[in-house]
């Protein structure tokens, strides 16, 4: 398969990640931020089902700090997703390195308080969650497993762009 094949395989995986992130952001995540009238009842019901089934208190009753992350997702990340999708599906676009590094670091940083909340918050006592959230350790781990790919794939992206010789090489200008 070789170095080129491995790089292209990872670029395709990253392109797919960014492509799938567009509808997830638009149809699910931003419901917690944007006016509810923007969404048809079917999508609101889907979000309700998800928050109840997965016991996700952040999307069910989002605190202000989580809304600030969603605002960043709307303003900074969402416009970046189609650009990154194009760059990684096309492959070999060295210009994506800096914006993708910024995206990956921002996303991983945002996931730290989210995952910490799921693991350590006492949802029965935290007034902002109104007693909603995972009750058992198994429910906490299940919810963490839903969010973990959004930490791990940006970590893979960061390491790929910082360590891959193709993306590290300087482009020679004439």
Protein backbone atom coordinates (compact mmCIF):
# COMPACT_ATOMS: atom_id res chain seq x y z
CA UNK A 1 0.00 0.00 0.00
CA UNK A 2 2.88 2.33 0.74
CA UNK A 3 3.13 5.76 2.22
CA UNK A 4 1.00 7.42 -0.48
CA UNK A 5 -1.76 4.84 -0.10
CA UNK A 6 -1.81 5.21 3.69
CA UNK A 7 -1.93 8.99 3.39
CA UNK A 8 -4.79 8.84 0.86
CA UNK A 9 -6.69 6.36 3.02
CA UNK A 10 -6.46 8.64 6.03
CA UNK A 11 -7.40 11.66 3.90
CA UNK A 12 -10.53 9.80 2.74
CA UNK A 13 -11.42 8.94 6.35
CA UNK A 14 -11.01 12.60 7.33
CA UNK A 15 -13.05 13.74 4.33
CA UNK A 16 -15.83 11.37 5.37
CA UNK A 17 -15.64 12.64 8.97
CA UNK A 18 -16.08 16.26 7.87
CA UNK A 19 -18.81 15.37 5.38
CA UNK A 20 -20.86 13.55 8.02
CA UNK A 21 -20.28 16.33 10.53
CA UNK A 22 -22.28 18.80 8.40
CA UNK A 23 -25.73 17.17 8.82
CA UNK A 24 -25.03 16.21 12.44
CA UNK A 25 -24.24 19.83 13.27
CA UNK A 26 -27.11 21.32 11.27
CA UNK A 27 -29.81 18.83 12.17
CA UNK A 28 -28.99 17.84 15.75
CA UNK A 29 -26.38 19.94 17.57
CA UNK A 30 -27.64 23.38 16.61
CA UNK A 31 -31.17 22.62 17.80
CA UNK A 32 -29.87 23.39 21.28
CA UNK A 33 -28.82 26.87 20.13
CA UNK A 34 -31.12 28.06 17.35
CA UNK A 35 -34.85 28.86 17.62
CA UNK A 36 -36.92 25.70 17.77
CA UNK A 37 -39.22 26.93 14.96
CA UNK A 38 -36.38 26.45 12.47
CA UNK A 39 -36.71 22.68 12.83
CA UNK A 40 -39.57 20.47 11.70
CA UNK A 41 -41.29 18.41 14.37
CA UNK A 42 -39.64 15.20 13.07
CA UNK A 43 -36.15 16.56 13.77
CA UNK A 44 -37.21 17.87 17.17
CA UNK A 45 -38.60 14.43 17.95
CA UNK A 46 -35.35 12.80 16.81
CA UNK A 47 -33.37 15.07 19.13
CA UNK A 48 -35.79 14.33 21.98
CA UNK A 49 -35.44 10.59 21.38
CA UNK A 50 -31.64 10.88 21.33
CA UNK A 51 -31.44 12.93 24.54
CA UNK A 52 -33.74 10.53 26.39
CA UNK A 53 -32.23 7.32 25.01
CA UNK A 54 -28.61 8.38 25.50
CA UNK A 55 -29.33 10.49 28.60
CA UNK A 56 -27.49 13.48 27.11
CA UNK A 57 -28.14 16.41 29.46
CA UNK A 58 -26.12 18.85 27.38
CA UNK A 59 -28.42 18.64 24.38
CA UNK A 60 -31.51 18.16 26.50
CA UNK A 61 -31.05 21.21 28.70
CA UNK A 62 -27.87 22.97 27.53
CA UNK A 63 -26.06 25.17 30.05
CA UNK A 64 -24.67 28.48 28.80
CA UNK A 65 -21.09 27.22 28.64
CA UNK A 66 -22.21 24.43 26.28
CA UNK A 67 -24.17 26.91 24.16
CA UNK A 68 -20.95 28.89 23.76
CA UNK A 69 -19.32 25.78 22.27
CA UNK A 70 -22.31 25.35 19.94
CA UNK A 71 -21.96 28.99 18.90
CA UNK A 72 -18.33 28.33 17.95
CA UNK A 73 -19.47 25.24 16.06
CA UNK A 74 -21.97 27.37 14.10
CA UNK A 75 -19.69 30.32 13.37
CA UNK A 76 -16.27 28.72 12.95
CA UNK A 77 -16.55 24.98 12.46
CA UNK A 78 -19.60 24.65 10.21
CA UNK A 79 -18.12 26.90 7.46
CA UNK A 80 -14.89 24.91 7.73
CA UNK A 81 -16.52 21.48 7.27
CA UNK A 82 -17.19 21.73 3.48
CA UNK A 83 -13.73 23.19 2.91
CA UNK A 84 -12.09 20.36 4.84
CA UNK A 85 -14.32 17.81 3.10
CA UNK A 86 -13.15 19.09 -0.28
CA UNK A 87 -9.48 19.26 0.72
CA UNK A 88 -9.31 15.74 2.17
CA UNK A 89 -11.36 14.04 -0.56
CA UNK A 90 -9.24 15.79 -3.22
CA UNK A 91 -6.08 14.92 -1.32
CA UNK A 92 -2.69 16.53 -1.26
CA UNK A 93 -3.98 19.99 -0.32
CA UNK A 94 -1.16 21.29 1.84
CA UNK A 95 -3.03 24.56 2.42
CA UNK A 96 -5.49 22.74 4.72
CA UNK A 97 -2.77 22.07 7.31
CA UNK A 98 -3.01 25.27 9.37
CA UNK A 99 -6.83 25.58 9.47
CA UNK A 100 -7.17 21.85 10.22
CA UNK A 101 -4.65 22.08 13.06
CA UNK A 102 -6.62 25.00 14.51
CA UNK A 103 -9.87 23.03 14.15
CA UNK A 104 -8.44 19.92 15.80
CA UNK A 105 -6.97 21.77 18.79
CA UNK A 106 -10.16 23.78 19.30
CA UNK A 107 -12.37 20.69 19.11
CA UNK A 108 -10.24 18.61 21.47
CA UNK A 109 -10.12 21.49 23.94
CA UNK A 110 -13.93 21.81 23.86
CA UNK A 111 -14.37 18.06 24.40
CA UNK A 112 -12.40 18.04 27.66
CA UNK A 113 -15.07 19.83 29.76
CA UNK A 114 -17.84 17.95 27.94
CA UNK A 115 -16.37 14.52 28.68
CA UNK A 116 -15.44 15.59 32.21
CA UNK A 117 -19.04 16.66 32.81
CA UNK A 118 -20.33 13.28 31.66
CA UNK A 119 -17.87 11.40 33.84
CA UNK A 120 -17.82 13.47 37.04
CA UNK A 121 -20.93 15.67 37.33
CA UNK A 122 -23.48 14.76 39.96
CA UNK A 123 -26.56 15.26 37.79
CA UNK A 124 -28.94 14.68 40.67
CA UNK A 125 -27.59 17.78 42.45
CA UNK A 126 -26.60 20.08 39.58
CA UNK A 127 -29.49 22.51 39.27
CA UNK A 128 -28.69 23.48 35.68
CA UNK A 129 -29.38 19.90 34.53
CA UNK A 130 -32.66 19.55 36.47
CA UNK A 131 -31.76 16.01 37.51
CA UNK A 132 -31.39 14.92 33.87
CA UNK A 133 -28.40 12.92 32.78
CA UNK A 134 -26.80 9.53 33.15
CA UNK A 135 -27.42 7.86 36.51
CA UNK A 136 -25.18 4.79 36.33
CA UNK A 137 -21.53 4.39 35.43
CA UNK A 138 -22.59 2.31 32.42
CA UNK A 139 -24.84 5.14 31.18
CA UNK A 140 -21.97 7.60 31.65
CA UNK A 141 -19.57 5.43 29.65
CA UNK A 142 -22.17 4.92 26.93
CA UNK A 143 -22.62 8.70 26.58
CA UNK A 144 -18.86 9.26 26.64
CA UNK A 145 -18.52 6.69 23.83
CA UNK A 146 -20.88 8.80 21.66
CA UNK A 147 -18.70 11.90 22.08
CA UNK A 148 -15.25 10.24 22.12
CA UNK A 149 -14.86 10.01 18.30
CA UNK A 150 -15.14 13.81 18.21
CA UNK A 151 -12.02 13.91 20.36
CA UNK A 152 -10.11 11.01 18.80
CA UNK A 153 -10.54 11.91 15.13
CA UNK A 154 -9.32 15.50 15.67
CA UNK A 155 -6.38 14.00 17.61
CA UNK A 156 -5.61 11.70 14.66
CA UNK A 157 -5.97 14.70 12.34
CA UNK A 158 -3.56 16.75 14.43
CA UNK A 159 -0.94 14.01 14.62
CA UNK A 160 -1.33 13.24 10.90
CA UNK A 161 -0.80 16.85 9.85
CA UNK A 162 2.08 17.46 12.26
CA UNK A 163 3.92 14.16 11.64
CA UNK A 164 3.26 13.28 7.99
CA UNK A 165 6.29 14.31 5.88
CA UNK A 166 4.05 15.39 2.99
CA UNK A 167 2.28 17.99 5.11
CA UNK A 168 5.46 19.04 6.91
CA UNK A 169 7.43 19.87 3.75
CA UNK A 170 7.70 23.50 2.76
CA UNK A 171 6.37 24.34 -0.67
CA UNK A 172 9.15 25.90 -2.74
CA UNK A 173 8.16 29.16 -4.43
CA UNK A 174 9.84 30.30 -7.63
